[in-house]
Amino acid sequence: MEVKNLKKYFGGISAVHNVTFKLEAREISSIIGPNGAGKTTLFNLITGKLSPDEGEVYLNGENISRLQPFQICHKKLGRSFQITNIFPKLSVFENIQVAILSSRGINKNFFNRADRMVKKETMEVLKNLGLAEKKDVWGGLLAHGDQKLLDIGISLASNPGLILLDEPTAGMSPQETVKTTELVKKLAKERGMTVLLIEHDMNVVFSISETIRVMHQGKLIAEGKPDEIKSNNRVQQIYLGEQG
């Protein structure tokens, strides 16, 4: 994926200003920055939830800047959300099953019973997430950490080549955070996915990322390997804080 000179204004406020970067295939990278830096707005622009005022987003060489979210999803770009986005009154199994059916356009087929379809594929996703034993539990009754995992599972339904994860470990216990971090690395390797995540937990960021990008006031102010970001004076002053 390539982002070129992306801009978004809300009134007189520049939420994303002239952001440009390129993701390499199978790369795991992070975007960090203080609250209000423009990180989630950037994700919304990439995934079609918002339209850019200027600039373009290219996926596998195709300009997707003005496509609708469902169109972008069908081009193998998946996303999880900062606020968990699941079906609370569907079972864990049904959450994943519905997402797979939708991604394949099978929801428009009136001649098959939905409860008999893509069972094998659904269980495969649940096993990867460690949620197979909770397949019959309503999504809304899961613990917070499991709801976040289910949200990631929904984003995997289209078998994406690129997945965007918005604070995947937010609100998790230390044990859940470690589990989720290892899961993301495992899934990325097994599926050959490119991963871009927004994350505030610096232990997660530095343990998982090959490249880190830093945003501040809508601008991309730094980009590099973890050691380069750790030693960047401007990043320390703006976000990480001075190390004494």
Protein backbone atom coordinates (compact mmCIF):
# COMPACT_ATOMS: atom_id res chain seq x y z
CA MET A 1 0.00 0.00 0.00
CA GLU A 2 1.12 3.54 -0.75
CA VAL A 3 -0.26 6.74 0.77
CA LYS A 4 0.54 9.93 -1.13
CA ASN A 5 0.16 13.47 0.26
CA LEU A 6 -3.00 12.62 2.17
CA LYS A 7 -4.90 15.55 3.70
CA LYS A 8 -8.12 15.88 5.69
CA TYR A 9 -9.61 19.03 7.19
CA PHE A 10 -12.41 19.43 9.72
CA GLY A 11 -13.35 23.08 9.51
CA GLY A 12 -10.11 24.95 9.95
CA ILE A 13 -8.36 22.03 11.65
CA SER A 14 -5.92 19.92 9.65
CA ALA A 15 -6.50 16.42 11.07
CA VAL A 16 -4.17 14.74 8.55
CA HIS A 17 -1.65 16.90 6.75
CA ASN A 18 0.36 15.79 3.75
CA VAL A 19 0.99 12.24 5.01
CA THR A 20 3.05 10.05 2.69
CA PHE A 21 4.42 6.56 3.29
CA LYS A 22 4.66 3.11 1.72
CA LEU A 23 4.10 -0.31 3.25
CA GLU A 24 6.20 -3.20 2.04
CA ALA A 25 4.62 -6.61 1.50
CA ARG A 26 4.46 -8.75 4.68
CA GLU A 27 5.75 -5.89 6.81
CA ILE A 28 4.47 -5.42 10.37
CA SER A 29 4.55 -1.75 11.26
CA SER A 30 3.01 0.64 13.77
CA ILE A 31 1.77 4.20 13.89
CA ILE A 32 2.20 5.93 17.23
CA GLY A 33 1.52 9.40 18.53
CA PRO A 34 -0.38 11.27 21.27
CA ASN A 35 -4.16 11.40 21.38
CA GLY A 36 -5.47 13.67 18.64
CA ALA A 37 -2.43 13.11 16.41
CA GLY A 38 -4.65 11.98 13.51
CA LYS A 39 -3.95 8.24 13.61
CA THR A 40 -7.53 6.95 13.51
CA THR A 41 -8.50 9.63 10.99
CA LEU A 42 -5.70 8.30 8.79
CA PHE A 43 -7.12 4.78 9.10
CA ASN A 44 -10.58 6.11 8.23
CA LEU A 45 -9.16 7.70 5.08
CA ILE A 46 -7.35 4.54 4.03
CA THR A 47 -10.42 2.32 4.54
CA GLY A 48 -12.97 4.62 2.90
CA LYS A 49 -14.86 5.68 6.02
CA LEU A 50 -13.74 9.23 5.21
CA SER A 51 -12.86 10.75 1.83
CA PRO A 52 -9.58 12.67 1.62
CA ASP A 53 -9.63 16.37 0.76
CA GLU A 54 -6.36 15.85 -1.10
CA GLY A 55 -4.03 12.96 -1.85
CA GLU A 56 -4.41 9.32 -2.85
CA VAL A 57 -4.23 5.83 -1.40
CA TYR A 58 -3.00 2.99 -3.62
CA LEU A 59 -3.48 -0.70 -2.91
CA ASN A 60 -1.49 -3.04 -5.15
CA GLY A 61 -1.12 -0.15 -7.59
CA GLU A 62 -4.85 0.66 -7.72
CA ASN A 63 -6.19 4.03 -6.54
CA ILE A 64 -8.76 3.24 -3.82
CA SER A 65 -9.06 6.79 -2.47
CA ARG A 66 -12.71 7.33 -3.46
CA LEU A 67 -14.07 3.81 -3.02
CA GLN A 68 -16.69 2.84 -0.43
CA PRO A 69 -15.59 0.75 2.59
CA PHE A 70 -17.26 -2.44 1.32
CA GLN A 71 -15.49 -2.05 -2.02
CA ILE A 72 -12.14 -1.64 -0.29
CA CYS A 73 -12.84 -4.68 1.90
CA HIS A 74 -13.44 -6.77 -1.22
CA LYS A 75 -9.97 -5.77 -2.40
CA LYS A 76 -8.50 -7.70 0.53
CA LEU A 77 -7.99 -4.88 3.02
CA GLY A 78 -9.26 -5.71 6.52
CA ARG A 79 -9.66 -3.56 9.59
CA SER A 80 -10.41 -3.84 13.30
CA PHE A 81 -11.69 -0.88 15.30
CA GLN A 82 -10.62 1.09 18.36
CA ILE A 83 -14.13 0.64 19.76
CA THR A 84 -14.95 -3.04 19.42
CA ASN A 85 -17.20 -3.60 16.40
CA ILE A 86 -18.95 -6.96 16.83
CA PHE A 87 -22.52 -8.31 16.76
CA PRO A 88 -23.28 -8.57 20.50
CA LYS A 89 -26.44 -10.69 20.10
CA LEU A 90 -24.94 -13.19 17.68
CA SER A 91 -22.83 -16.10 18.85
CA VAL A 92 -19.06 -16.00 18.42
CA PHE A 93 -19.45 -18.55 15.61
CA GLU A 94 -22.14 -16.48 13.89
CA ASN A 95 -20.06 -13.29 14.10
CA ILE A 96 -17.29 -14.88 12.06
CA GLN A 97 -19.65 -16.84 9.79
CA VAL A 98 -21.63 -13.72 8.83
CA ALA A 99 -18.41 -11.83 8.08
CA ILE A 100 -17.14 -14.62 5.81
CA LEU A 101 -20.48 -14.91 4.01
CA SER A 102 -20.60 -11.15 3.47
CA SER A 103 -17.03 -10.98 2.17
CA ARG A 104 -17.88 -13.64 -0.42
CA GLY A 105 -21.22 -12.14 -1.43
CA ILE A 106 -22.95 -15.35 -0.33
CA ASN A 107 -25.44 -13.31 1.71
CA LYS A 108 -27.22 -12.63 -1.58
CA ASN A 109 -27.85 -16.31 -2.27
CA PHE A 110 -31.43 -17.12 -1.22
CA PHE A 111 -31.22 -20.83 -2.05
CA ASN A 112 -28.90 -21.97 0.73
CA ARG A 113 -29.38 -22.05 4.49
CA ALA A 114 -26.83 -19.73 6.06
CA ASP A 115 -26.34 -21.91 9.15
CA ARG A 116 -24.93 -24.69 6.97
CA MET A 117 -22.43 -22.57 5.07
CA VAL A 118 -18.67 -21.93 5.53
CA LYS A 119 -18.62 -23.93 8.78
CA LYS A 120 -15.12 -25.27 8.20
CA GLU A 121 -13.72 -21.81 7.36
CA THR A 122 -15.44 -20.27 10.38
CA MET A 123 -14.05 -22.87 12.79
CA GLU A 124 -10.57 -22.42 11.33
CA VAL A 125 -10.67 -18.70 12.17
CA LEU A 126 -11.99 -19.41 15.68
CA LYS A 127 -9.25 -21.97 16.32
CA ASN A 128 -6.61 -19.46 15.24
CA LEU A 129 -8.08 -16.92 17.66
CA GLY A 130 -8.34 -19.42 20.53
CA LEU A 131 -12.11 -18.89 20.66
CA ALA A 132 -13.32 -22.27 19.37
CA GLU A 133 -14.51 -23.39 22.81
CA LYS A 134 -16.62 -20.21 23.11
CA LYS A 135 -18.26 -20.51 19.69
CA ASP A 136 -21.80 -20.65 21.12
CA VAL A 137 -21.41 -17.68 23.50
CA TRP A 138 -23.05 -14.40 22.50
CA GLY A 139 -20.43 -11.90 21.39
CA GLY A 140 -21.66 -9.32 23.88
CA LEU A 141 -21.10 -11.71 26.80
CA LEU A 142 -17.41 -12.25 26.09
CA ALA A 143 -14.75 -10.67 28.28
CA HIS A 144 -13.24 -7.48 26.84
CA GLY A 145 -10.05 -9.18 25.65
CA ASP A 146 -12.00 -11.89 23.83
CA GLN A 147 -14.24 -9.27 22.21
CA LYS A 148 -11.12 -7.58 20.83
CA LEU A 149 -9.94 -10.93 19.48
CA LEU A 150 -13.35 -11.51 17.89
CA ASP A 151 -13.13 -8.08 16.25
CA ILE A 152 -9.76 -9.07 14.77
CA GLY A 153 -11.36 -12.32 13.60
CA ILE A 154 -14.11 -10.43 11.76
CA SER A 155 -11.45 -8.39 9.97
CA LEU A 156 -9.76 -11.66 8.90
CA ALA A 157 -12.95 -12.97 7.28
CA SER A 158 -12.11 -11.60 3.83
CA ASN A 159 -8.67 -13.27 3.99
CA PRO A 160 -6.97 -9.87 3.64
CA GLY A 161 -3.51 -9.28 2.30
CA LEU A 162 -3.33 -6.09 4.39
CA ILE A 163 -4.92 -5.62 7.80
CA LEU A 164 -5.20 -2.41 9.83
CA LEU A 165 -5.54 -2.86 13.60
CA ASP A 166 -6.66 0.13 15.66
CA GLU A 167 -5.37 -0.31 19.24
CA PRO A 168 -5.81 -4.12 19.28
CA THR A 169 -4.61 -4.47 22.91
CA ALA A 170 -6.46 -1.48 24.42
CA GLY A 171 -7.97 -2.36 27.80
CA MET A 172 -6.34 -5.78 27.94
CA SER A 173 -4.53 -7.27 30.90
CA PRO A 174 -0.76 -7.81 30.54
CA GLN A 175 -1.37 -11.50 29.90
CA GLU A 176 -4.00 -10.79 27.24
CA THR A 177 -1.71 -8.22 25.63
CA VAL A 178 1.11 -10.74 25.27
CA LYS A 179 -1.32 -13.33 23.88
CA THR A 180 -2.72 -10.90 21.30
CA THR A 181 0.71 -9.65 20.25
CA GLU A 182 1.92 -13.20 19.64
CA LEU A 183 -1.32 -13.99 17.79
CA VAL A 184 -0.88 -11.04 15.41
CA LYS A 185 2.70 -12.08 14.65
CA LYS A 186 1.65 -15.70 14.12
CA LEU A 187 -1.26 -14.84 11.81
CA ALA A 188 0.83 -12.38 9.81
CA LYS A 189 3.49 -15.03 9.20
CA GLU A 190 1.10 -17.88 8.42
CA ARG A 191 -1.15 -15.84 6.13
CA GLY A 192 1.59 -13.72 4.55
CA MET A 193 -0.21 -10.54 5.59
CA THR A 194 0.99 -6.98 5.80
CA VAL A 195 0.00 -5.47 9.15
CA LEU A 196 -0.34 -1.81 10.15
CA LEU A 197 -1.40 -1.08 13.71
CA ILE A 198 -2.11 1.90 15.90
CA GLU A 199 -0.93 1.18 19.42
CA HIS A 200 -0.23 3.09 22.63
CA ASP A 201 1.52 0.25 24.47
CA MET A 202 5.18 0.86 23.68
CA ASN A 203 6.15 -2.66 24.75
CA VAL A 204 3.84 -3.99 22.04
CA VAL A 205 5.07 -1.47 19.47
CA PHE A 206 8.76 -2.17 19.95
CA SER A 207 8.33 -5.96 20.19
CA ILE A 208 6.23 -6.40 17.04
CA SER A 209 7.18 -3.62 14.62
CA GLU A 210 9.69 -3.74 11.81
CA THR A 211 8.97 -0.08 11.05
CA ILE A 212 7.45 2.62 13.27
CA ARG A 213 5.86 5.86 12.07
CA VAL A 214 5.15 8.74 14.43
CA MET A 215 2.32 11.24 13.97
CA HIS A 216 1.92 14.61 15.71
CA GLN A 217 -0.74 17.22 14.99
CA GLY A 218 -1.76 15.45 11.79
CA LYS A 219 1.76 15.21 10.39
CA LEU A 220 4.14 12.29 10.00
CA ILE A 221 7.20 13.50 11.90
CA ALA A 222 9.39 10.37 12.02
CA GLU A 223 9.75 6.98 10.37
CA GLY A 224 12.27 4.24 10.97
CA LYS A 225 13.32 1.05 12.69
CA PRO A 226 12.50 0.66 16.41
CA ASP A 227 16.03 1.61 17.54
CA GLU A 228 15.94 4.71 15.33
CA ILE A 229 12.63 5.81 16.82
CA LYS A 230 13.81 5.17 20.39
CA SER A 231 16.83 7.43 19.85
CA ASN A 232 14.97 10.18 17.94
CA ASN A 233 15.14 13.32 20.11
CA ARG A 234 12.01 14.88 18.64
CA VAL A 235 9.99 11.72 19.28
CA GLN A 236 11.24 11.59 22.86
CA GLN A 237 10.21 15.19 23.46
CA ILE A 238 6.80 14.95 21.83
CA TYR A 239 5.65 11.46 22.71
CA LEU A 240 7.93 9.03 24.47
CA GLY A 241 9.30 11.45 27.06
CA GLU A 242 12.91 11.92 28.02
CA GLN A 243 14.58 8.80 29.34
CA GLY A 244 16.43 9.55 32.56
